[in-house]
Amino acid sequence: MSDRPVLLLTRRLPEAVEKRASRDYNALLNADDSQYDACALISKSRQADAILTCSTEKFSADVIEQLDPRVCAIASFSVGYEHIDVTAASARGITVTNTPDVLTDATADVTLLCLLGAARRQHESTAMLREDRWGRWDATTLLGIHMSGKRLGILGMGRIGRAVAKRARAFNMEIHYSNRSRLSEELEDGATFHKNPEDMLQRAQLLSFHCPSTPQTRHFLNAKRIALLPDGAVVVNTARGDVVEDDALIEAVKSGKVSGVGLDVYEGEPDFHSGYLDLPNAFLLPHIGSATKDTRDAMGFRALDNLDAVFAGEDPEDKLK
C-alpha cells in the first residue's frame, strides 16, 4: 500500500497536470469529467486526504461540514474562490488555496480581444460573411469605434487590470481606474485614479471590469450607472458575470446608449441571459479567459505546488484566509 496522500480531482484536468498528480499522489481522477454534486463530493471525500477542484463544484458550509475528517486541503483550479466557503473550511482546519498570477496574461489578452471585437463590430462583420450578405464596398457600413486615443475605464486594478492597462497603452489609450485603494505611482504608471467609481464612469468611453464578485460589486453596472457613461460607450466584462445587471445592459445596447459589449463571463453561467444573443453588436465568448494550454497547465501546477506545501507541513503560497 502506497503511503502517498490520496488526492481527489473533481474534474478532468490537462494531461500534464493529471500526470504530475498521479506521480506524486494516489490520484482519484474523474476520467469522464462527470458532474459531482454535493452528495458526490461528500461521498468521494471519504477516500481523500485533499481535493483539487474547479469553480464548477460548490463547497458550501454544509458540504464542508460533511467532508471526511481526513480532508486537510482544498486546492481550487481557479483564481476566484466564491464556490468555496473559506470561513467554514478554516473552522474545520481545512486549508484552501487558489491559483493567482498564472492566468493574468491570458485573461488580459482575451480582454483586449473583447474590446476590439465589440469596438470593431466583429460579430456583425462575421455574420455578413457567413450569411452571404457582403456586397459592394461602401464608406458607411459597419463603422466601429477607433480605440486609439480613447479613454479606457478599468474597475479593479489588480494584476489583471494592470495587465490590461499595459496592453491598452500600446493603443495610446488614456487609462482611468477605480480601485479599493490608490496604487503606488509606479504601479499606476500614469493612469488616473478615481476614488469614486461613478466619476470614472463619466470618463470611460470604453469600460472593462476586473473586480471580484462581492456584495458591493454585484450588479454594479445597473441602469443608473450606465446612464453616467458617455453615449456610445463600449462595455467589456471578463471578471465575474454578476457585476453586470443583464437587463439594464441589454436595454442600453438596444437604445444605442452602449454601442457594443464584449463578454466572456455571465451571471448564472453556463446559463446566461438569452437577450444577448439578439444583439448584433455583442461579442460573446464562453468563459475562455484562461483557455490556453500553457495557462491551464500552469494553473494545475500552481494548485499542486500548494498541495505539496501542505503535505510538507508548510504554508502554501496561495493560502486563503
C-alpha atoms as a PDB file:
ATOM      1  CA  MET A   1       0.000   0.000   0.000  1.00  0.00           C
ATOM      2  CA  SER A   2       1.452   3.373  -1.012  1.00  0.00           C
ATOM      3  CA  ASP A   3       1.881   5.969   1.700  1.00  0.00           C
ATOM      4  CA  ARG A   4       1.295   8.811  -0.753  1.00  0.00           C
ATOM      5  CA  PRO A   5      -1.631  11.099   0.137  1.00  0.00           C
ATOM      6  CA  VAL A   6      -4.885  10.435  -1.693  1.00  0.00           C
ATOM      7  CA  LEU A   7      -5.891  13.346  -3.914  1.00  0.00           C
ATOM      8  CA  LEU A   8      -9.400  13.645  -5.347  1.00  0.00           C
ATOM      9  CA  LEU A   9      -9.632  15.543  -8.654  1.00  0.00           C
ATOM     10  CA  THR A  10     -13.228  16.631  -9.152  1.00  0.00           C
ATOM     11  CA  ARG A  11     -12.822  17.409 -12.874  1.00  0.00           C
ATOM     12  CA  ARG A  12     -10.776  16.141 -15.776  1.00  0.00           C
ATOM     13  CA  LEU A  13      -7.696  18.367 -15.982  1.00  0.00           C
ATOM     14  CA  PRO A  14      -4.976  18.828 -18.629  1.00  0.00           C
ATOM     15  CA  GLU A  15      -2.906  15.724 -19.294  1.00  0.00           C
ATOM     16  CA  ALA A  16       0.303  17.175 -17.863  1.00  0.00           C
ATOM     17  CA  VAL A  17      -1.475  18.132 -14.637  1.00  0.00           C
ATOM     18  CA  GLU A  18      -3.055  14.709 -14.171  1.00  0.00           C
ATOM     19  CA  LYS A  19       0.283  13.054 -14.951  1.00  0.00           C
ATOM     20  CA  ARG A  20       2.048  15.017 -12.208  1.00  0.00           C
ATOM     21  CA  ALA A  21      -0.841  14.431  -9.766  1.00  0.00           C
ATOM     22  CA  SER A  22      -0.676  10.682 -10.428  1.00  0.00           C
ATOM     23  CA  ARG A  23       3.104  10.703  -9.996  1.00  0.00           C
ATOM     24  CA  ASP A  24       3.098  12.429  -6.618  1.00  0.00           C
ATOM     25  CA  TYR A  25      -0.243  11.331  -5.133  1.00  0.00           C
ATOM     26  CA  ASN A  26      -2.675   8.473  -5.161  1.00  0.00           C
ATOM     27  CA  ALA A  27      -4.816  10.435  -7.596  1.00  0.00           C
ATOM     28  CA  LEU A  28      -8.523   9.710  -7.938  1.00  0.00           C
ATOM     29  CA  LEU A  29      -9.238  11.040 -11.427  1.00  0.00           C
ATOM     30  CA  ASN A  30     -12.584  11.999 -12.940  1.00  0.00           C
ATOM     31  CA  ALA A  31     -11.907  10.278 -16.268  1.00  0.00           C
ATOM     32  CA  ASP A  32     -15.291  11.012 -17.845  1.00  0.00           C
ATOM     33  CA  ASP A  33     -15.492  14.535 -16.370  1.00  0.00           C
ATOM     34  CA  SER A  34     -18.850  13.811 -14.762  1.00  0.00           C
ATOM     35  CA  GLN A  35     -20.501  16.490 -12.609  1.00  0.00           C
ATOM     36  CA  TYR A  36     -20.059  15.989  -8.872  1.00  0.00           C
ATOM     37  CA  ASP A  37     -22.979  17.364  -6.898  1.00  0.00           C
ATOM     38  CA  ALA A  38     -22.917  17.911  -3.134  1.00  0.00           C
ATOM     39  CA  CYS A  39     -23.706  14.273  -2.358  1.00  0.00           C
ATOM     40  CA  ALA A  40     -20.957  13.026  -4.669  1.00  0.00           C
ATOM     41  CA  LEU A  41     -18.394  15.429  -3.207  1.00  0.00           C
ATOM     42  CA  ILE A  42     -19.203  14.289   0.316  1.00  0.00           C
ATOM     43  CA  SER A  43     -19.159  10.609  -0.649  1.00  0.00           C
ATOM     44  CA  LYS A  44     -15.923  10.768  -2.642  1.00  0.00           C
ATOM     45  CA  SER A  45     -14.178  12.759   0.087  1.00  0.00           C
ATOM     46  CA  ARG A  46     -14.273   9.638   2.261  1.00  0.00           C
ATOM     47  CA  GLN A  47     -11.364   8.308   0.197  1.00  0.00           C
ATOM     48  CA  ALA A  48      -9.328  11.523   0.106  1.00  0.00           C
ATOM     49  CA  ASP A  49      -6.735  13.441   2.087  1.00  0.00           C
ATOM     50  CA  ALA A  50      -7.100  16.509  -0.163  1.00  0.00           C
ATOM     51  CA  ILE A  51      -9.247  17.762  -3.021  1.00  0.00           C
ATOM     52  CA  LEU A  52      -8.242  19.531  -6.238  1.00  0.00           C
ATOM     53  CA  THR A  53     -11.390  21.169  -7.552  1.00  0.00           C
ATOM     54  CA  CYS A  54     -12.674  23.728 -10.054  1.00  0.00           C
ATOM     55  CA  SER A  55     -15.143  26.591  -9.836  1.00  0.00           C
ATOM     56  CA  THR A  56     -17.906  24.281 -11.071  1.00  0.00           C
ATOM     57  CA  GLU A  57     -18.033  22.413  -7.759  1.00  0.00           C
ATOM     58  CA  LYS A  58     -19.723  24.176  -4.851  1.00  0.00           C
ATOM     59  CA  PHE A  59     -18.228  23.684  -1.405  1.00  0.00           C
ATOM     60  CA  SER A  60     -20.884  25.280   0.763  1.00  0.00           C
ATOM     61  CA  ALA A  61     -20.642  25.328   4.542  1.00  0.00           C
ATOM     62  CA  ASP A  62     -22.975  22.320   4.611  1.00  0.00           C
ATOM     63  CA  VAL A  63     -20.787  20.332   2.200  1.00  0.00           C
ATOM     64  CA  ILE A  64     -17.606  21.240   4.055  1.00  0.00           C
ATOM     65  CA  GLU A  65     -19.163  20.207   7.362  1.00  0.00           C
ATOM     66  CA  GLN A  66     -19.781  16.718   5.928  1.00  0.00           C
ATOM     67  CA  LEU A  67     -16.405  16.177   4.254  1.00  0.00           C
ATOM     68  CA  ASP A  68     -14.361  13.315   5.648  1.00  0.00           C
ATOM     69  CA  PRO A  69     -12.317  14.434   8.672  1.00  0.00           C
ATOM     70  CA  ARG A  70      -9.087  13.398   6.947  1.00  0.00           C
ATOM     71  CA  VAL A  71      -9.517  16.066   4.227  1.00  0.00           C
ATOM     72  CA  CYS A  72      -6.944  18.723   5.100  1.00  0.00           C
ATOM     73  CA  ALA A  73      -6.841  20.873   1.947  1.00  0.00           C
ATOM     74  CA  ILE A  74      -8.964  22.071  -0.965  1.00  0.00           C
ATOM     75  CA  ALA A  75      -6.936  23.456  -3.870  1.00  0.00           C
ATOM     76  CA  SER A  76      -9.003  25.339  -6.419  1.00  0.00           C
ATOM     77  CA  PHE A  77      -8.043  25.334 -10.089  1.00  0.00           C
ATOM     78  CA  SER A  78      -9.087  28.992 -10.374  1.00  0.00           C
ATOM     79  CA  VAL A  79      -8.359  32.493  -9.180  1.00  0.00           C
ATOM     80  CA  GLY A  80     -11.895  33.073  -7.917  1.00  0.00           C
ATOM     81  CA  TYR A  81     -12.993  31.141  -4.863  1.00  0.00           C
ATOM     82  CA  GLU A  82     -16.626  32.158  -4.442  1.00  0.00           C
ATOM     83  CA  HIS A  83     -17.530  28.472  -4.823  1.00  0.00           C
ATOM     84  CA  ILE A  84     -15.799  27.609  -1.541  1.00  0.00           C
ATOM     85  CA  ASP A  85     -16.929  28.755   1.902  1.00  0.00           C
ATOM     86  CA  VAL A  86     -13.458  29.663   3.136  1.00  0.00           C
ATOM     87  CA  THR A  87     -14.717  30.557   6.618  1.00  0.00           C
ATOM     88  CA  ALA A  88     -16.344  27.141   7.066  1.00  0.00           C
ATOM     89  CA  ALA A  89     -13.215  25.423   5.765  1.00  0.00           C
ATOM     90  CA  SER A  90     -10.990  27.370   8.131  1.00  0.00           C
ATOM     91  CA  ALA A  91     -13.233  26.439  11.070  1.00  0.00           C
ATOM     92  CA  ARG A  92     -12.623  22.788  10.213  1.00  0.00           C
ATOM     93  CA  GLY A  93      -8.888  23.284   9.813  1.00  0.00           C
ATOM     94  CA  ILE A  94      -9.010  22.799   6.021  1.00  0.00           C
ATOM     95  CA  THR A  95      -6.506  24.841   4.020  1.00  0.00           C
ATOM     96  CA  VAL A  96      -7.963  26.469   0.902  1.00  0.00           C
ATOM     97  CA  THR A  97      -5.816  27.728  -1.979  1.00  0.00           C
ATOM     98  CA  ASN A  98      -6.337  29.276  -5.401  1.00  0.00           C
ATOM     99  CA  THR A  99      -4.156  29.958  -8.464  1.00  0.00           C
ATOM    100  CA  PRO A 100      -3.427  33.678  -8.864  1.00  0.00           C
ATOM    101  CA  ASP A 101      -0.818  35.208 -11.179  1.00  0.00           C
ATOM    102  CA  VAL A 102      -0.602  32.396 -13.731  1.00  0.00           C
ATOM    103  CA  LEU A 103      -3.679  33.368 -15.763  1.00  0.00           C
ATOM    104  CA  THR A 104      -3.132  37.134 -15.678  1.00  0.00           C
ATOM    105  CA  ASP A 105      -1.723  37.484 -19.192  1.00  0.00           C
ATOM    106  CA  ALA A 106      -4.175  35.086 -20.824  1.00  0.00           C
ATOM    107  CA  THR A 107      -7.158  36.890 -19.324  1.00  0.00           C
ATOM    108  CA  ALA A 108      -5.742  40.298 -20.238  1.00  0.00           C
ATOM    109  CA  ASP A 109      -5.285  39.093 -23.822  1.00  0.00           C
ATOM    110  CA  VAL A 110      -8.913  37.996 -24.022  1.00  0.00           C
ATOM    111  CA  THR A 111      -9.981  41.342 -22.574  1.00  0.00           C
ATOM    112  CA  LEU A 112      -8.281  43.105 -25.476  1.00  0.00           C
ATOM    113  CA  LEU A 113      -9.948  40.631 -27.829  1.00  0.00           C
ATOM    114  CA  CYS A 114     -13.329  41.576 -26.332  1.00  0.00           C
ATOM    115  CA  LEU A 115     -12.557  45.287 -26.520  1.00  0.00           C
ATOM    116  CA  LEU A 116     -11.549  45.044 -30.160  1.00  0.00           C
ATOM    117  CA  GLY A 117     -14.338  42.636 -31.056  1.00  0.00           C
ATOM    118  CA  ALA A 118     -17.009  44.877 -29.549  1.00  0.00           C
ATOM    119  CA  ALA A 119     -15.491  48.157 -30.739  1.00  0.00           C
ATOM    120  CA  ARG A 120     -14.979  46.960 -34.323  1.00  0.00           C
ATOM    121  CA  ARG A 121     -18.297  45.059 -34.580  1.00  0.00           C
ATOM    122  CA  GLN A 122     -16.753  41.649 -35.200  1.00  0.00           C
ATOM    123  CA  HIS A 123     -19.958  39.659 -34.748  1.00  0.00           C
ATOM    124  CA  GLU A 124     -21.848  41.713 -37.320  1.00  0.00           C
ATOM    125  CA  SER A 125     -18.950  41.510 -39.749  1.00  0.00           C
ATOM    126  CA  THR A 126     -18.638  37.742 -39.485  1.00  0.00           C
ATOM    127  CA  ALA A 127     -22.402  37.301 -39.818  1.00  0.00           C
ATOM    128  CA  MET A 128     -22.321  39.278 -43.054  1.00  0.00           C
ATOM    129  CA  LEU A 129     -19.823  36.790 -44.495  1.00  0.00           C
ATOM    130  CA  ARG A 130     -21.488  33.650 -43.150  1.00  0.00           C
ATOM    131  CA  GLU A 131     -24.902  34.766 -44.408  1.00  0.00           C
ATOM    132  CA  ASP A 132     -23.566  35.778 -47.831  1.00  0.00           C
ATOM    133  CA  ARG A 133     -24.615  39.406 -47.410  1.00  0.00           C
ATOM    134  CA  TRP A 134     -21.302  41.016 -48.356  1.00  0.00           C
ATOM    135  CA  GLY A 135     -21.901  43.199 -51.353  1.00  0.00           C
ATOM    136  CA  ARG A 136     -20.280  46.259 -52.825  1.00  0.00           C
ATOM    137  CA  TRP A 137     -17.844  48.122 -50.547  1.00  0.00           C
ATOM    138  CA  ASP A 138     -19.133  51.411 -49.246  1.00  0.00           C
ATOM    139  CA  ALA A 139     -17.857  54.073 -46.887  1.00  0.00           C
ATOM    140  CA  THR A 140     -20.553  53.873 -44.221  1.00  0.00           C
ATOM    141  CA  THR A 141     -21.054  50.171 -43.457  1.00  0.00           C
ATOM    142  CA  LEU A 142     -20.034  48.644 -40.110  1.00  0.00           C
ATOM    143  CA  LEU A 143     -18.344  51.746 -38.771  1.00  0.00           C
ATOM    144  CA  GLY A 144     -16.869  50.888 -35.397  1.00  0.00           C
ATOM    145  CA  ILE A 145     -15.100  52.622 -32.525  1.00  0.00           C
ATOM    146  CA  HIS A 146     -11.471  53.633 -33.062  1.00  0.00           C
ATOM    147  CA  MET A 147      -9.778  52.564 -29.818  1.00  0.00           C
ATOM    148  CA  SER A 148      -6.542  54.524 -30.217  1.00  0.00           C
ATOM    149  CA  GLY A 149      -6.545  57.644 -28.090  1.00  0.00           C
ATOM    150  CA  LYS A 150      -9.813  56.788 -26.336  1.00  0.00           C
ATOM    151  CA  ARG A 151     -10.398  56.773 -22.572  1.00  0.00           C
ATOM    152  CA  LEU A 152     -10.461  53.286 -21.032  1.00  0.00           C
ATOM    153  CA  GLY A 153     -12.057  52.905 -17.610  1.00  0.00           C
ATOM    154  CA  ILE A 154     -10.938  49.919 -15.537  1.00  0.00           C
ATOM    155  CA  LEU A 155     -12.886  48.846 -12.445  1.00  0.00           C
ATOM    156  CA  GLY A 156     -10.459  46.800 -10.346  1.00  0.00           C
ATOM    157  CA  MET A 157      -6.769  47.491 -10.858  1.00  0.00           C
ATOM    158  CA  GLY A 158      -5.282  44.255  -9.574  1.00  0.00           C
ATOM    159  CA  ARG A 159      -2.900  42.057 -11.558  1.00  0.00           C
ATOM    160  CA  ILE A 160      -5.270  41.565 -14.474  1.00  0.00           C
ATOM    161  CA  GLY A 161      -6.472  45.153 -14.540  1.00  0.00           C
ATOM    162  CA  ARG A 162      -2.876  46.380 -14.678  1.00  0.00           C
ATOM    163  CA  ALA A 163      -2.046  43.878 -17.432  1.00  0.00           C
ATOM    164  CA  VAL A 164      -4.981  45.207 -19.457  1.00  0.00           C
ATOM    165  CA  ALA A 165      -3.812  48.785 -18.882  1.00  0.00           C
ATOM    166  CA  LYS A 166      -0.339  47.832 -20.117  1.00  0.00           C
ATOM    167  CA  ARG A 167      -1.776  46.425 -23.337  1.00  0.00           C
ATOM    168  CA  ALA A 168      -4.132  49.365 -23.789  1.00  0.00           C
ATOM    169  CA  ARG A 169      -1.218  51.794 -23.647  1.00  0.00           C
ATOM    170  CA  ALA A 170       0.027  50.230 -26.873  1.00  0.00           C
ATOM    171  CA  PHE A 171      -3.154  51.691 -28.406  1.00  0.00           C
ATOM    172  CA  ASN A 172      -2.273  55.084 -26.931  1.00  0.00           C
ATOM    173  CA  MET A 173      -5.349  54.851 -24.723  1.00  0.00           C
ATOM    174  CA  GLU A 174      -5.858  57.136 -21.739  1.00  0.00           C
ATOM    175  CA  ILE A 175      -6.238  54.942 -18.650  1.00  0.00           C
ATOM    176  CA  HIS A 176      -8.685  55.750 -15.853  1.00  0.00           C
ATOM    177  CA  TYR A 177      -9.311  53.389 -12.965  1.00  0.00           C
ATOM    178  CA  SER A 178     -11.207  52.911  -9.753  1.00  0.00           C
ATOM    179  CA  ASN A 179      -9.995  50.590  -7.047  1.00  0.00           C
ATOM    180  CA  ARG A 180     -10.464  49.992  -3.339  1.00  0.00           C
ATOM    181  CA  SER A 181      -7.245  51.927  -2.819  1.00  0.00           C
ATOM    182  CA  ARG A 182      -4.969  54.004  -4.993  1.00  0.00           C
ATOM    183  CA  LEU A 183      -1.946  52.263  -6.488  1.00  0.00           C
ATOM    184  CA  SER A 184       1.610  53.389  -5.985  1.00  0.00           C
ATOM    185  CA  GLU A 185       2.899  55.830  -8.579  1.00  0.00           C
ATOM    186  CA  GLU A 186       4.991  53.047 -10.114  1.00  0.00           C
ATOM    187  CA  LEU A 187       2.054  50.632 -10.491  1.00  0.00           C
ATOM    188  CA  GLU A 188      -0.263  53.421 -11.583  1.00  0.00           C
ATOM    189  CA  ASP A 189       2.067  54.195 -14.489  1.00  0.00           C
ATOM    190  CA  GLY A 190       0.306  57.392 -15.482  1.00  0.00           C
ATOM    191  CA  ALA A 191      -3.256  56.126 -15.032  1.00  0.00           C
ATOM    192  CA  THR A 192      -5.793  58.468 -13.437  1.00  0.00           C
ATOM    193  CA  PHE A 193      -7.302  57.262 -10.150  1.00  0.00           C
ATOM    194  CA  HIS A 194     -10.953  57.857  -9.276  1.00  0.00           C
ATOM    195  CA  LYS A 195     -11.843  57.130  -5.661  1.00  0.00           C
ATOM    196  CA  ASN A 196     -15.496  57.300  -6.636  1.00  0.00           C
ATOM    197  CA  PRO A 197     -16.193  54.777  -9.451  1.00  0.00           C
ATOM    198  CA  GLU A 198     -19.104  56.877 -10.683  1.00  0.00           C
ATOM    199  CA  ASP A 199     -16.632  59.636 -11.508  1.00  0.00           C
ATOM    200  CA  MET A 200     -14.655  57.187 -13.619  1.00  0.00           C
ATOM    201  CA  LEU A 201     -17.753  56.012 -15.466  1.00  0.00           C
ATOM    202  CA  GLN A 202     -18.377  59.514 -16.757  1.00  0.00           C
ATOM    203  CA  ARG A 203     -14.962  59.435 -18.450  1.00  0.00           C
ATOM    204  CA  ALA A 204     -14.989  55.848 -19.747  1.00  0.00           C
ATOM    205  CA  GLN A 205     -15.528  55.657 -23.497  1.00  0.00           C
ATOM    206  CA  LEU A 206     -14.619  52.003 -23.067  1.00  0.00           C
ATOM    207  CA  LEU A 207     -15.219  50.228 -19.746  1.00  0.00           C
ATOM    208  CA  SER A 208     -13.603  46.986 -18.594  1.00  0.00           C
ATOM    209  CA  PHE A 209     -14.352  45.038 -15.405  1.00  0.00           C
ATOM    210  CA  HIS A 210     -11.591  43.343 -13.389  1.00  0.00           C
ATOM    211  CA  CYS A 211     -13.055  43.281  -9.898  1.00  0.00           C
ATOM    212  CA  PRO A 212     -14.056  40.296  -7.756  1.00  0.00           C
ATOM    213  CA  SER A 213     -17.661  39.348  -7.090  1.00  0.00           C
ATOM    214  CA  THR A 214     -18.653  40.799  -3.721  1.00  0.00           C
ATOM    215  CA  PRO A 215     -21.872  42.127  -2.203  1.00  0.00           C
ATOM    216  CA  GLN A 216     -20.583  45.594  -3.123  1.00  0.00           C
ATOM    217  CA  THR A 217     -19.862  44.786  -6.777  1.00  0.00           C
ATOM    218  CA  ARG A 218     -22.876  42.562  -7.516  1.00  0.00           C
ATOM    219  CA  HIS A 219     -24.943  44.265 -10.232  1.00  0.00           C
ATOM    220  CA  PHE A 220     -22.657  47.275 -10.028  1.00  0.00           C
ATOM    221  CA  LEU A 221     -23.400  48.199 -13.634  1.00  0.00           C
ATOM    222  CA  ASN A 222     -27.101  48.967 -13.381  1.00  0.00           C
ATOM    223  CA  ALA A 223     -29.286  51.376 -15.324  1.00  0.00           C
ATOM    224  CA  LYS A 224     -28.369  54.307 -13.096  1.00  0.00           C
ATOM    225  CA  ARG A 225     -24.637  53.821 -13.606  1.00  0.00           C
ATOM    226  CA  ILE A 226     -24.973  53.051 -17.320  1.00  0.00           C
ATOM    227  CA  ALA A 227     -26.570  56.470 -17.681  1.00  0.00           C
ATOM    228  CA  LEU A 228     -23.301  58.008 -16.465  1.00  0.00           C
ATOM    229  CA  LEU A 229     -21.302  56.531 -19.358  1.00  0.00           C
ATOM    230  CA  PRO A 230     -20.580  58.636 -22.443  1.00  0.00           C
ATOM    231  CA  ASP A 231     -23.047  57.945 -25.241  1.00  0.00           C
ATOM    232  CA  GLY A 232     -21.857  55.094 -27.438  1.00  0.00           C
ATOM    233  CA  ALA A 233     -19.557  53.561 -24.799  1.00  0.00           C
ATOM    234  CA  VAL A 234     -18.266  50.006 -25.134  1.00  0.00           C
ATOM    235  CA  VAL A 235     -18.638  47.679 -22.118  1.00  0.00           C
ATOM    236  CA  VAL A 236     -16.443  44.611 -21.580  1.00  0.00           C
ATOM    237  CA  ASN A 237     -16.588  42.062 -18.771  1.00  0.00           C
ATOM    238  CA  THR A 238     -14.001  39.307 -18.293  1.00  0.00           C
ATOM    239  CA  ALA A 239     -14.191  39.336 -14.486  1.00  0.00           C
ATOM    240  CA  ARG A 240     -17.385  37.987 -12.904  1.00  0.00           C
ATOM    241  CA  GLY A 241     -20.759  37.806 -14.598  1.00  0.00           C
ATOM    242  CA  ASP A 242     -22.786  39.166 -11.712  1.00  0.00           C
ATOM    243  CA  VAL A 243     -21.095  42.583 -11.651  1.00  0.00           C
ATOM    244  CA  VAL A 244     -23.398  43.473 -14.563  1.00  0.00           C
ATOM    245  CA  GLU A 245     -27.185  43.751 -14.408  1.00  0.00           C
ATOM    246  CA  ASP A 246     -28.092  41.964 -17.626  1.00  0.00           C
ATOM    247  CA  ASP A 247     -31.471  43.534 -18.354  1.00  0.00           C
ATOM    248  CA  ALA A 248     -30.087  47.040 -17.910  1.00  0.00           C
ATOM    249  CA  LEU A 249     -27.084  46.417 -20.146  1.00  0.00           C
ATOM    250  CA  ILE A 250     -29.137  44.750 -22.880  1.00  0.00           C
ATOM    251  CA  GLU A 251     -31.595  47.646 -22.880  1.00  0.00           C
ATOM    252  CA  ALA A 252     -28.703  50.122 -23.092  1.00  0.00           C
ATOM    253  CA  VAL A 253     -27.340  48.352 -26.170  1.00  0.00           C
ATOM    254  CA  LYS A 254     -30.771  48.295 -27.807  1.00  0.00           C
ATOM    255  CA  SER A 255     -31.213  52.007 -27.179  1.00  0.00           C
ATOM    256  CA  GLY A 256     -27.764  52.873 -28.520  1.00  0.00           C
ATOM    257  CA  LYS A 257     -26.542  54.274 -25.200  1.00  0.00           C
ATOM    258  CA  VAL A 258     -23.947  51.469 -25.286  1.00  0.00           C
ATOM    259  CA  SER A 259     -22.587  50.821 -28.775  1.00  0.00           C
ATOM    260  CA  GLY A 260     -21.301  47.318 -28.105  1.00  0.00           C
ATOM    261  CA  VAL A 261     -20.477  44.737 -25.459  1.00  0.00           C
ATOM    262  CA  GLY A 262     -17.742  42.117 -25.158  1.00  0.00           C
ATOM    263  CA  LEU A 263     -18.458  39.389 -22.619  1.00  0.00           C
ATOM    264  CA  ASP A 264     -16.536  36.313 -21.509  1.00  0.00           C
ATOM    265  CA  VAL A 265     -18.418  35.805 -18.225  1.00  0.00           C
ATOM    266  CA  TYR A 266     -22.112  35.710 -17.339  1.00  0.00           C
ATOM    267  CA  GLU A 267     -24.307  35.576 -14.300  1.00  0.00           C
ATOM    268  CA  GLY A 268     -25.504  32.005 -13.737  1.00  0.00           C
ATOM    269  CA  GLU A 269     -23.224  30.547 -16.403  1.00  0.00           C
ATOM    270  CA  PRO A 270     -23.351  28.265 -18.297  1.00  0.00           C
ATOM    271  CA  ASP A 271     -26.953  29.505 -18.347  1.00  0.00           C
ATOM    272  CA  PHE A 272     -26.965  33.125 -19.399  1.00  0.00           C
ATOM    273  CA  HIS A 273     -29.397  35.819 -20.462  1.00  0.00           C
ATOM    274  CA  SER A 274     -30.584  34.865 -23.946  1.00  0.00           C
ATOM    275  CA  GLY A 275     -31.193  38.528 -24.715  1.00  0.00           C
ATOM    276  CA  TYR A 276     -27.505  38.904 -25.517  1.00  0.00           C
ATOM    277  CA  LEU A 277     -27.945  36.578 -28.471  1.00  0.00           C
ATOM    278  CA  ASP A 278     -30.366  39.012 -30.070  1.00  0.00           C
ATOM    279  CA  LEU A 279     -27.854  41.866 -30.026  1.00  0.00           C
ATOM    280  CA  PRO A 280     -25.964  42.154 -33.311  1.00  0.00           C
ATOM    281  CA  ASN A 281     -23.256  44.207 -31.608  1.00  0.00           C
ATOM    282  CA  ALA A 282     -22.467  41.735 -28.821  1.00  0.00           C
ATOM    283  CA  PHE A 283     -19.107  39.942 -28.950  1.00  0.00           C
ATOM    284  CA  LEU A 284     -19.658  36.830 -26.822  1.00  0.00           C
ATOM    285  CA  LEU A 285     -17.218  34.187 -25.589  1.00  0.00           C
ATOM    286  CA  PRO A 286     -17.900  31.110 -23.380  1.00  0.00           C
ATOM    287  CA  HIS A 287     -15.591  31.959 -20.429  1.00  0.00           C
ATOM    288  CA  ILE A 288     -12.296  31.195 -22.179  1.00  0.00           C
ATOM    289  CA  GLY A 289     -10.139  33.834 -20.476  1.00  0.00           C
ATOM    290  CA  SER A 290      -7.601  31.284 -19.249  1.00  0.00           C
ATOM    291  CA  ALA A 291      -8.097  28.790 -22.080  1.00  0.00           C
ATOM    292  CA  THR A 292      -4.579  28.294 -23.397  1.00  0.00           C
ATOM    293  CA  LYS A 293      -2.605  25.108 -22.874  1.00  0.00           C
ATOM    294  CA  ASP A 294       0.244  26.961 -21.193  1.00  0.00           C
ATOM    295  CA  THR A 295      -2.093  28.740 -18.803  1.00  0.00           C
ATOM    296  CA  ARG A 296      -4.212  25.746 -17.832  1.00  0.00           C
ATOM    297  CA  ASP A 297      -1.077  23.658 -17.231  1.00  0.00           C
ATOM    298  CA  ALA A 298       0.339  26.463 -15.084  1.00  0.00           C
ATOM    299  CA  MET A 299      -2.897  26.670 -13.091  1.00  0.00           C
ATOM    300  CA  GLY A 300      -2.787  22.950 -12.350  1.00  0.00           C
ATOM    301  CA  PHE A 301       0.878  23.045 -11.410  1.00  0.00           C
ATOM    302  CA  ARG A 302       0.239  26.003  -9.109  1.00  0.00           C
ATOM    303  CA  ALA A 303      -2.562  24.078  -7.381  1.00  0.00           C
ATOM    304  CA  LEU A 304      -0.272  21.060  -6.964  1.00  0.00           C
ATOM    305  CA  ASP A 305       2.529  23.280  -5.644  1.00  0.00           C
ATOM    306  CA  ASN A 306       0.132  24.478  -2.972  1.00  0.00           C
ATOM    307  CA  LEU A 307      -0.838  20.921  -2.057  1.00  0.00           C
ATOM    308  CA  ASP A 308       2.809  19.861  -1.960  1.00  0.00           C
ATOM    309  CA  ALA A 309       3.434  22.614   0.586  1.00  0.00           C
ATOM    310  CA  VAL A 310       0.503  21.480   2.737  1.00  0.00           C
ATOM    311  CA  PHE A 311       1.773  17.900   2.892  1.00  0.00           C
ATOM    312  CA  ALA A 312       5.300  19.140   3.598  1.00  0.00           C
ATOM    313  CA  GLY A 313       3.971  20.899   6.675  1.00  0.00           C
ATOM    314  CA  GLU A 314       4.418  24.362   5.168  1.00  0.00           C
ATOM    315  CA  ASP A 315       2.067  27.250   4.476  1.00  0.00           C
ATOM    316  CA  PRO A 316       1.208  27.247   0.748  1.00  0.00           C
ATOM    317  CA  GLU A 317       1.936  30.425  -1.173  1.00  0.00           C
ATOM    318  CA  ASP A 318      -1.711  30.909  -2.137  1.00  0.00           C
ATOM    319  CA  LYS A 319      -3.430  30.078   1.147  1.00  0.00           C
ATOM    320  CA  LEU A 320      -6.734  31.891   1.503  1.00  0.00           C
ATOM    321  CA  LYS A 321      -7.744  33.375   4.808  1.00  0.00           C
END
